[in-house]
């Protein structure tokens, strides 16, 4: 005995949800102000509310606000540090090749130099520092492949009482 379920029946066009024109036009492009004064006025208007927004976020959670600020700064400096370390690694390799293994000094970002090191020791120190930069970047950016969106973004804001996620 074969039992047929409701979904075993062939779907018709009327029930498929694919009725209507398949060509969906793109929404019209919104153009911002073209005049430099209007653009500056628009930016100034957007920045005018920033103190109130920052105060509101700070009042909600000072620790989270400070943590977000710190991770944003570290995340912004991470590409600069990576580029600087890559430059130092390449320069150290070139110095080791051209000077036939002579001792090298590594310039520090805040000025000055490290003590003279052998090429191998300098490469190990720079590689370890590069690894630490990648590690800090991985910790501050979160898990790979995941965007930072609130858990309620797929549905409704928590403060909204009667909202529906269905269209």
N, C-alpha and C. Protein backbone atom coordinates (compact mmCIF):
# COMPACT_ATOMS: atom_id res chain seq x y z
N UNK A 1 0.85 -1.17 0.00
CA UNK A 1 0.00 0.00 0.00
C UNK A 1 0.90 1.24 0.00
N UNK A 2 0.67 2.13 -0.95
CA UNK A 2 1.45 3.35 -1.07
C UNK A 2 0.64 4.48 -0.49
N UNK A 3 1.24 5.17 0.41
CA UNK A 3 0.55 6.28 1.05
C UNK A 3 1.04 7.59 0.44
N UNK A 4 0.15 8.40 -0.07
CA UNK A 4 0.53 9.67 -0.66
C UNK A 4 0.30 10.80 0.33
N UNK A 5 1.29 11.66 0.38
CA UNK A 5 1.19 12.81 1.26
C UNK A 5 0.75 14.01 0.44
N UNK A 6 0.38 15.04 1.11
CA UNK A 6 -0.10 16.24 0.46
C UNK A 6 0.98 16.85 -0.44
N UNK A 7 2.24 16.79 -0.03
CA UNK A 7 3.29 17.42 -0.81
C UNK A 7 3.77 16.56 -1.97
N UNK A 8 3.24 15.35 -2.10
CA UNK A 8 3.60 14.49 -3.22
C UNK A 8 2.91 14.90 -4.51
N UNK A 9 1.85 15.69 -4.40
CA UNK A 9 1.14 16.11 -5.60
C UNK A 9 1.99 17.09 -6.39
N UNK A 10 1.91 17.06 -7.69
CA UNK A 10 2.68 18.02 -8.49
C UNK A 10 2.21 19.44 -8.21
N UNK A 11 3.15 20.31 -8.10
CA UNK A 11 2.82 21.71 -7.83
C UNK A 11 2.33 22.37 -9.11
N UNK A 12 1.36 23.20 -8.96
CA UNK A 12 0.89 23.96 -10.11
C UNK A 12 1.47 25.36 -10.01
N UNK A 13 1.41 26.09 -11.09
CA UNK A 13 1.96 27.43 -11.12
C UNK A 13 1.23 28.32 -10.11
N UNK A 14 -0.06 28.10 -9.95
CA UNK A 14 -0.82 28.94 -9.04
C UNK A 14 -0.36 28.75 -7.60
N UNK A 15 0.07 27.54 -7.25
CA UNK A 15 0.48 27.27 -5.87
C UNK A 15 1.98 27.47 -5.64
N UNK A 16 2.74 27.70 -6.68
CA UNK A 16 4.19 27.74 -6.53
C UNK A 16 4.72 29.06 -5.97
N UNK A 17 3.92 30.10 -6.06
CA UNK A 17 4.41 31.40 -5.61
C UNK A 17 5.22 32.10 -6.68
N UNK A 18 5.30 31.53 -7.87
CA UNK A 18 6.09 32.11 -8.94
C UNK A 18 5.22 32.79 -9.99
N UNK A 19 4.08 33.26 -9.58
CA UNK A 19 3.25 33.99 -10.54
C UNK A 19 3.69 35.43 -10.58
N UNK A 20 3.49 36.06 -11.66
CA UNK A 20 3.87 37.46 -11.80
C UNK A 20 5.08 37.61 -12.70
N UNK A 21 5.44 38.84 -12.93
CA UNK A 21 6.53 39.18 -13.82
C UNK A 21 7.87 38.83 -13.17
N UNK A 22 8.70 37.99 -13.82
CA UNK A 22 9.98 37.63 -13.21
C UNK A 22 11.02 38.75 -13.29
N UNK A 23 10.78 39.74 -14.11
CA UNK A 23 11.73 40.84 -14.26
C UNK A 23 11.43 41.90 -13.19
N UNK A 24 12.27 41.95 -12.19
CA UNK A 24 12.09 42.92 -11.09
C UNK A 24 13.03 44.09 -11.37
N UNK A 25 12.48 45.27 -11.53
CA UNK A 25 13.35 46.41 -11.83
C UNK A 25 14.17 46.82 -10.61
N UNK A 26 15.35 47.34 -10.87
CA UNK A 26 16.20 47.84 -9.79
C UNK A 26 15.60 49.12 -9.23
N UNK A 27 15.77 49.35 -7.92
CA UNK A 27 15.26 50.60 -7.36
C UNK A 27 16.05 51.78 -7.92
N UNK A 28 15.44 52.95 -7.95
CA UNK A 28 16.16 54.11 -8.48
C UNK A 28 17.33 54.48 -7.58
N UNK A 29 18.42 54.93 -8.19
CA UNK A 29 19.61 55.32 -7.43
C UNK A 29 19.35 56.62 -6.70
N UNK A 30 19.74 56.63 -5.45
CA UNK A 30 19.63 57.86 -4.68
C UNK A 30 20.95 58.59 -4.80
N UNK A 31 20.87 59.81 -5.17
CA UNK A 31 22.08 60.60 -5.34
C UNK A 31 22.21 61.56 -4.17
N UNK A 32 23.41 61.63 -3.64
CA UNK A 32 23.68 62.55 -2.57
C UNK A 32 23.94 63.94 -3.11
N UNK A 33 24.26 64.85 -2.25
CA UNK A 33 24.53 66.22 -2.72
C UNK A 33 25.80 66.26 -3.56
N UNK A 34 25.74 66.99 -4.66
CA UNK A 34 26.90 67.12 -5.54
C UNK A 34 27.73 68.35 -5.20
N UNK A 35 27.11 69.31 -4.59
CA UNK A 35 27.80 70.54 -4.23
C UNK A 35 28.66 70.27 -2.98
N UNK A 36 29.93 70.70 -2.97
CA UNK A 36 30.76 70.46 -1.79
C UNK A 36 30.19 71.08 -0.51
N UNK A 37 29.59 72.23 -0.61
CA UNK A 37 28.99 72.84 0.59
C UNK A 37 27.83 72.01 1.11
N UNK A 38 27.01 71.51 0.18
CA UNK A 38 25.88 70.68 0.61
C UNK A 38 26.39 69.37 1.22
N UNK A 39 27.48 68.84 0.68
CA UNK A 39 28.05 67.61 1.23
C UNK A 39 28.59 67.86 2.64
N UNK A 40 29.30 68.95 2.82
CA UNK A 40 29.81 69.28 4.16
C UNK A 40 28.67 69.53 5.13
N UNK A 41 27.63 70.19 4.66
CA UNK A 41 26.46 70.43 5.51
C UNK A 41 25.80 69.11 5.90
N UNK A 42 25.74 68.18 4.97
CA UNK A 42 25.16 66.87 5.25
C UNK A 42 26.00 66.10 6.28
N UNK A 43 27.32 66.15 6.13
CA UNK A 43 28.21 65.48 7.07
C UNK A 43 28.10 66.12 8.45
N UNK A 44 28.06 67.46 8.48
CA UNK A 44 27.95 68.17 9.75
C UNK A 44 26.63 67.83 10.44
N UNK A 45 25.57 67.71 9.66
CA UNK A 45 24.28 67.34 10.23
C UNK A 45 24.30 65.94 10.83
N UNK A 46 25.00 65.03 10.16
CA UNK A 46 25.10 63.66 10.68
C UNK A 46 25.95 63.61 11.94
N UNK A 47 27.02 64.42 12.00
CA UNK A 47 27.90 64.42 13.16
C UNK A 47 27.33 65.20 14.34
N UNK A 48 26.35 66.04 14.09
CA UNK A 48 25.78 66.85 15.16
C UNK A 48 25.15 66.00 16.26
N UNK A 49 24.60 64.85 15.88
CA UNK A 49 23.96 63.98 16.87
C UNK A 49 24.91 62.99 17.54
N UNK A 50 26.17 62.98 17.15
CA UNK A 50 27.12 62.01 17.70
C UNK A 50 27.30 62.09 19.22
N UNK A 51 27.43 63.26 19.83
CA UNK A 51 27.59 63.28 21.29
C UNK A 51 26.42 62.62 22.02
N UNK A 52 25.23 62.85 21.54
CA UNK A 52 24.06 62.25 22.18
C UNK A 52 24.06 60.72 22.00
N UNK A 53 24.45 60.27 20.81
CA UNK A 53 24.49 58.83 20.56
C UNK A 53 25.56 58.17 21.42
N UNK A 54 26.74 58.77 21.49
CA UNK A 54 27.83 58.21 22.30
C UNK A 54 27.43 58.18 23.77
N UNK A 55 26.77 59.23 24.24
CA UNK A 55 26.32 59.27 25.63
C UNK A 55 25.30 58.15 25.89
N UNK A 56 24.40 57.93 24.96
CA UNK A 56 23.39 56.89 25.11
C UNK A 56 24.04 55.50 25.15
N UNK A 57 25.00 55.26 24.25
CA UNK A 57 25.69 53.98 24.22
C UNK A 57 26.53 53.79 25.49
N UNK A 58 27.20 54.85 25.94
CA UNK A 58 28.00 54.78 27.16
C UNK A 58 27.13 54.47 28.37
N UNK A 59 25.97 55.11 28.45
CA UNK A 59 25.06 54.85 29.56
C UNK A 59 24.54 53.42 29.55
N UNK A 60 24.40 52.84 28.36
CA UNK A 60 23.91 51.46 28.27
C UNK A 60 24.93 50.48 28.82
N UNK A 61 26.20 50.64 28.46
CA UNK A 61 27.23 49.73 28.94
C UNK A 61 28.61 50.35 28.74
N UNK A 62 29.16 50.96 29.78
CA UNK A 62 30.48 51.57 29.65
C UNK A 62 31.58 50.56 29.28
N UNK A 63 31.52 49.37 29.87
CA UNK A 63 32.56 48.37 29.58
C UNK A 63 32.51 47.92 28.12
N UNK A 64 31.31 47.68 27.61
CA UNK A 64 31.17 47.27 26.21
C UNK A 64 31.59 48.38 25.27
N UNK A 65 31.26 49.62 25.62
CA UNK A 65 31.63 50.75 24.78
C UNK A 65 33.15 50.90 24.73
N UNK A 66 33.80 50.79 25.88
CA UNK A 66 35.26 50.89 25.91
C UNK A 66 35.90 49.72 25.17
N UNK A 67 35.34 48.53 25.33
CA UNK A 67 35.87 47.36 24.62
C UNK A 67 35.70 47.49 23.12
N UNK A 68 34.55 47.99 22.69
CA UNK A 68 34.32 48.19 21.26
C UNK A 68 35.27 49.24 20.70
N UNK A 69 35.49 50.29 21.47
CA UNK A 69 36.42 51.35 21.04
C UNK A 69 37.84 50.78 20.93
N UNK A 70 38.25 50.00 21.91
CA UNK A 70 39.61 49.43 21.89
C UNK A 70 39.79 48.46 20.73
N UNK A 71 38.81 47.58 20.51
CA UNK A 71 38.95 46.63 19.40
C UNK A 71 38.89 47.32 18.05
N UNK A 72 38.15 48.41 17.95
CA UNK A 72 38.12 49.17 16.71
C UNK A 72 39.47 49.80 16.43
N UNK A 73 40.08 50.37 17.44
CA UNK A 73 41.40 51.00 17.27
C UNK A 73 42.45 49.94 16.92
N UNK A 74 42.44 48.80 17.64
CA UNK A 74 43.40 47.74 17.35
C UNK A 74 43.17 47.18 15.95
N UNK A 75 41.91 47.00 15.59
CA UNK A 75 41.60 46.50 14.25
C UNK A 75 42.02 47.47 13.16
N UNK A 76 41.96 48.77 13.44
CA UNK A 76 42.41 49.77 12.48
C UNK A 76 43.91 49.84 12.35
N UNK A 77 44.61 49.59 13.45
CA UNK A 77 46.07 49.64 13.42
C UNK A 77 46.70 48.33 12.93
N UNK A 78 45.94 47.26 12.93
CA UNK A 78 46.47 45.96 12.54
C UNK A 78 47.01 45.92 11.11
N UNK A 79 46.33 46.45 10.10
CA UNK A 79 46.91 46.43 8.75
C UNK A 79 48.20 47.25 8.65
N UNK A 80 48.25 48.36 9.38
CA UNK A 80 49.46 49.18 9.37
C UNK A 80 50.63 48.41 9.98
N UNK A 81 50.37 47.74 11.11
CA UNK A 81 51.43 46.96 11.76
C UNK A 81 51.86 45.79 10.88
N UNK A 82 50.91 45.17 10.20
CA UNK A 82 51.25 44.06 9.30
C UNK A 82 52.13 44.54 8.16
N UNK A 83 51.78 45.66 7.56
CA UNK A 83 52.60 46.21 6.47
C UNK A 83 53.99 46.58 6.97
N UNK A 84 54.07 47.19 8.14
CA UNK A 84 55.37 47.59 8.71
C UNK A 84 56.25 46.35 8.96
N UNK A 85 55.65 45.32 9.54
CA UNK A 85 56.42 44.11 9.83
C UNK A 85 56.84 43.40 8.56
N UNK A 86 56.00 43.40 7.55
CA UNK A 86 56.37 42.79 6.26
C UNK A 86 57.55 43.53 5.65
N UNK A 87 57.52 44.85 5.74
CA UNK A 87 58.62 45.66 5.25
C UNK A 87 59.92 45.32 5.98
N UNK A 88 59.84 45.21 7.30
CA UNK A 88 61.02 44.88 8.07
C UNK A 88 61.56 43.48 7.76
N UNK A 89 60.64 42.53 7.58
CA UNK A 89 61.07 41.17 7.23
C UNK A 89 61.80 41.15 5.89
N UNK A 90 61.23 41.83 4.90
CA UNK A 90 61.85 41.86 3.57
C UNK A 90 63.20 42.57 3.63
N UNK A 91 63.26 43.70 4.33
CA UNK A 91 64.54 44.42 4.44
C UNK A 91 65.60 43.59 5.15
N UNK A 92 65.18 42.84 6.16
CA UNK A 92 66.15 42.00 6.88
C UNK A 92 66.68 40.89 5.98
N UNK A 93 65.82 40.27 5.19
CA UNK A 93 66.26 39.24 4.27
C UNK A 93 67.23 39.83 3.24
N UNK A 94 66.89 41.01 2.70
CA UNK A 94 67.76 41.65 1.72
C UNK A 94 69.11 42.01 2.34
N UNK A 95 69.10 42.54 3.57
CA UNK A 95 70.36 42.86 4.25
C UNK A 95 71.18 41.61 4.50
N UNK A 96 70.53 40.52 4.85
CA UNK A 96 71.25 39.27 5.08
C UNK A 96 71.90 38.75 3.81
N UNK A 97 71.22 38.92 2.68
CA UNK A 97 71.76 38.45 1.41
C UNK A 97 72.90 39.36 0.94
N UNK A 98 72.69 40.68 0.99
CA UNK A 98 73.70 41.60 0.46
C UNK A 98 74.92 41.71 1.36
N UNK A 99 74.74 41.56 2.65
CA UNK A 99 75.88 41.68 3.58
C UNK A 99 76.45 40.32 3.98
N UNK A 100 75.99 39.26 3.36
CA UNK A 100 76.49 37.91 3.59
C UNK A 100 76.46 37.52 5.06
N UNK A 101 75.29 37.72 5.70
CA UNK A 101 75.12 37.26 7.07
C UNK A 101 75.65 38.20 8.15
N UNK A 102 75.95 39.44 7.79
CA UNK A 102 76.41 40.38 8.81
C UNK A 102 75.27 40.69 9.78
N UNK A 103 75.59 41.26 10.90
CA UNK A 103 74.58 41.59 11.91
C UNK A 103 73.74 42.76 11.41
N UNK A 104 72.45 42.74 11.78
CA UNK A 104 71.52 43.77 11.34
C UNK A 104 70.86 44.42 12.55
N UNK A 105 70.39 45.64 12.36
CA UNK A 105 69.59 46.31 13.38
C UNK A 105 68.20 46.54 12.79
N UNK A 106 67.20 46.45 13.65
CA UNK A 106 65.81 46.62 13.21
C UNK A 106 65.32 47.96 13.73
N UNK A 107 64.86 48.86 12.83
CA UNK A 107 64.32 50.13 13.31
C UNK A 107 62.99 49.92 14.03
N UNK A 108 62.79 50.61 15.12
CA UNK A 108 61.56 50.51 15.90
C UNK A 108 60.60 51.62 15.48
N UNK A 109 59.29 51.38 15.56
CA UNK A 109 58.33 52.39 15.11
C UNK A 109 58.38 53.69 15.91
N UNK A 110 58.77 53.64 17.17
CA UNK A 110 58.81 54.85 18.00
C UNK A 110 60.18 55.50 17.99
N UNK A 111 61.06 55.05 17.13
CA UNK A 111 62.40 55.62 17.02
C UNK A 111 63.42 54.69 17.63
N UNK A 112 64.64 54.86 17.23
CA UNK A 112 65.70 54.01 17.75
C UNK A 112 65.78 52.70 16.99
N UNK A 113 66.67 51.84 17.46
CA UNK A 113 66.91 50.56 16.81
C UNK A 113 67.09 49.49 17.88
N UNK A 114 66.92 48.26 17.47
CA UNK A 114 67.21 47.14 18.36
C UNK A 114 68.72 46.95 18.42
N UNK A 115 69.21 46.21 19.39
CA UNK A 115 70.63 45.87 19.37
C UNK A 115 70.94 45.06 18.10
N UNK A 116 72.18 45.04 17.71
CA UNK A 116 72.53 44.28 16.52
C UNK A 116 72.27 42.81 16.75
N UNK A 117 71.61 42.20 15.77
CA UNK A 117 71.25 40.79 15.86
C UNK A 117 71.79 40.08 14.62
N UNK A 118 71.98 38.80 14.75
CA UNK A 118 72.27 37.99 13.57
C UNK A 118 71.02 37.95 12.69
N UNK A 119 71.21 37.63 11.42
CA UNK A 119 70.08 37.61 10.49
C UNK A 119 69.03 36.60 10.94
N UNK A 120 69.47 35.42 11.34
CA UNK A 120 68.52 34.39 11.76
C UNK A 120 67.73 34.83 12.99
N UNK A 121 68.41 35.42 13.97
CA UNK A 121 67.73 35.89 15.18
C UNK A 121 66.76 37.02 14.86
N UNK A 122 67.16 37.92 13.96
CA UNK A 122 66.28 39.02 13.57
C UNK A 122 65.05 38.49 12.85
N UNK A 123 65.23 37.51 11.96
CA UNK A 123 64.09 36.94 11.25
C UNK A 123 63.14 36.20 12.19
N UNK A 124 63.70 35.51 13.18
CA UNK A 124 62.86 34.82 14.15
C UNK A 124 62.07 35.83 14.99
N UNK A 125 62.72 36.91 15.42
CA UNK A 125 62.04 37.93 16.23
C UNK A 125 60.95 38.62 15.42
N UNK A 126 61.25 38.95 14.17
CA UNK A 126 60.25 39.61 13.33
C UNK A 126 59.10 38.67 12.99
N UNK A 127 59.39 37.41 12.73
CA UNK A 127 58.32 36.44 12.44
C UNK A 127 57.43 36.23 13.66
N UNK A 128 58.02 36.18 14.84
CA UNK A 128 57.23 36.03 16.07
C UNK A 128 56.34 37.25 16.28
N UNK A 129 56.89 38.43 16.02
CA UNK A 129 56.08 39.65 16.16
C UNK A 129 54.95 39.68 15.13
N UNK A 130 55.24 39.26 13.90
CA UNK A 130 54.21 39.19 12.87
C UNK A 130 53.12 38.21 13.28
N UNK A 131 53.50 37.08 13.86
CA UNK A 131 52.52 36.11 14.34
C UNK A 131 51.64 36.71 15.45
N UNK A 132 52.24 37.46 16.36
CA UNK A 132 51.47 38.11 17.42
C UNK A 132 50.48 39.11 16.84
N UNK A 133 50.88 39.84 15.81
CA UNK A 133 49.97 40.79 15.16
C UNK A 133 48.79 40.03 14.55
N UNK A 134 49.06 38.92 13.86
CA UNK A 134 47.98 38.12 13.29
C UNK A 134 47.08 37.56 14.38
N UNK A 135 47.66 37.15 15.48
CA UNK A 135 46.88 36.61 16.60
C UNK A 135 45.96 37.67 17.19
N UNK A 136 46.49 38.86 17.42
CA UNK A 136 45.67 39.96 17.95
C UNK A 136 44.56 40.31 16.96
N UNK A 137 44.88 40.32 15.67
CA UNK A 137 43.88 40.62 14.66
C UNK A 137 42.79 39.55 14.65
N UNK A 138 43.16 38.29 14.80
CA UNK A 138 42.17 37.21 14.82
C UNK A 138 41.27 37.31 16.04
N UNK A 139 41.84 37.68 17.18
CA UNK A 139 41.05 37.78 18.41
C UNK A 139 40.08 38.97 18.33
N UNK A 140 40.54 40.09 17.79
CA UNK A 140 39.68 41.27 17.76
C UNK A 140 38.66 41.24 16.64
N UNK A 141 38.87 40.43 15.60
CA UNK A 141 37.92 40.42 14.49
C UNK A 141 36.83 39.37 14.65
N UNK A 142 36.96 38.46 15.58
CA UNK A 142 35.92 37.47 15.80
C UNK A 142 36.12 36.24 14.95
N UNK A 143 35.16 35.30 14.98
CA UNK A 143 35.30 34.06 14.23
C UNK A 143 35.28 34.32 12.73
N UNK A 144 36.01 33.52 11.93
CA UNK A 144 36.02 33.73 10.50
C UNK A 144 34.68 33.40 9.87
N UNK A 145 34.31 34.16 8.85
CA UNK A 145 33.08 33.91 8.13
C UNK A 145 31.83 34.38 8.84
N UNK A 146 31.96 35.05 9.94
CA UNK A 146 30.79 35.50 10.69
C UNK A 146 30.83 37.01 10.77
N UNK A 147 29.71 37.62 10.46
CA UNK A 147 29.62 39.07 10.57
C UNK A 147 29.09 39.43 11.94
N UNK A 148 29.39 40.62 12.36
CA UNK A 148 28.94 41.06 13.68
C UNK A 148 27.57 41.72 13.55
N UNK A 149 26.53 40.92 13.71
CA UNK A 149 25.18 41.46 13.68
C UNK A 149 24.49 41.05 14.97
N UNK A 150 23.58 41.87 15.45
CA UNK A 150 22.86 41.50 16.67
C UNK A 150 22.05 40.24 16.44
N UNK A 151 21.83 39.47 17.51
CA UNK A 151 21.08 38.22 17.39
C UNK A 151 19.63 38.46 17.01
N UNK A 152 19.11 39.64 17.27
CA UNK A 152 17.72 39.90 16.95
C UNK A 152 17.56 40.49 15.56
N UNK A 153 18.65 40.66 14.79
CA UNK A 153 18.53 41.34 13.51
C UNK A 153 17.73 40.54 12.50
N UNK A 154 17.65 39.21 12.65
CA UNK A 154 16.88 38.43 11.70
C UNK A 154 15.39 38.61 11.93
N UNK A 155 15.00 39.02 13.10
CA UNK A 155 13.59 39.20 13.40
C UNK A 155 13.28 40.63 13.74
N UNK A 156 13.00 40.85 15.00
CA UNK A 156 12.58 42.17 15.45
C UNK A 156 13.51 42.68 16.53
N UNK A 157 13.50 43.96 16.71
CA UNK A 157 14.24 44.55 17.81
C UNK A 157 13.60 44.12 19.12
N UNK A 158 14.38 43.90 20.17
CA UNK A 158 13.81 43.43 21.43
C UNK A 158 12.81 44.41 22.02
N UNK A 159 12.95 45.68 21.74
CA UNK A 159 12.06 46.66 22.34
C UNK A 159 10.70 46.71 21.65
N UNK A 160 10.60 46.13 20.45
CA UNK A 160 9.34 46.17 19.71
C UNK A 160 8.49 45.01 20.19
N UNK A 161 7.27 45.31 20.64
CA UNK A 161 6.43 44.28 21.24
C UNK A 161 5.76 43.42 20.20
N UNK A 162 5.07 44.00 19.26
CA UNK A 162 4.28 43.23 18.29
C UNK A 162 4.86 43.40 16.91
N UNK A 163 5.86 42.63 16.58
CA UNK A 163 6.40 42.71 15.23
C UNK A 163 6.36 41.34 14.61
N UNK A 164 6.29 41.31 13.34
CA UNK A 164 6.20 40.05 12.61
C UNK A 164 7.38 39.94 11.67
N UNK A 165 8.00 38.78 11.63
CA UNK A 165 9.12 38.60 10.70
C UNK A 165 8.64 38.16 9.34
N UNK A 166 7.39 37.75 9.24
CA UNK A 166 6.86 37.33 7.95
C UNK A 166 6.54 38.55 7.10
N UNK A 167 6.79 38.47 5.79
CA UNK A 167 6.48 39.62 4.92
C UNK A 167 5.00 39.84 4.77
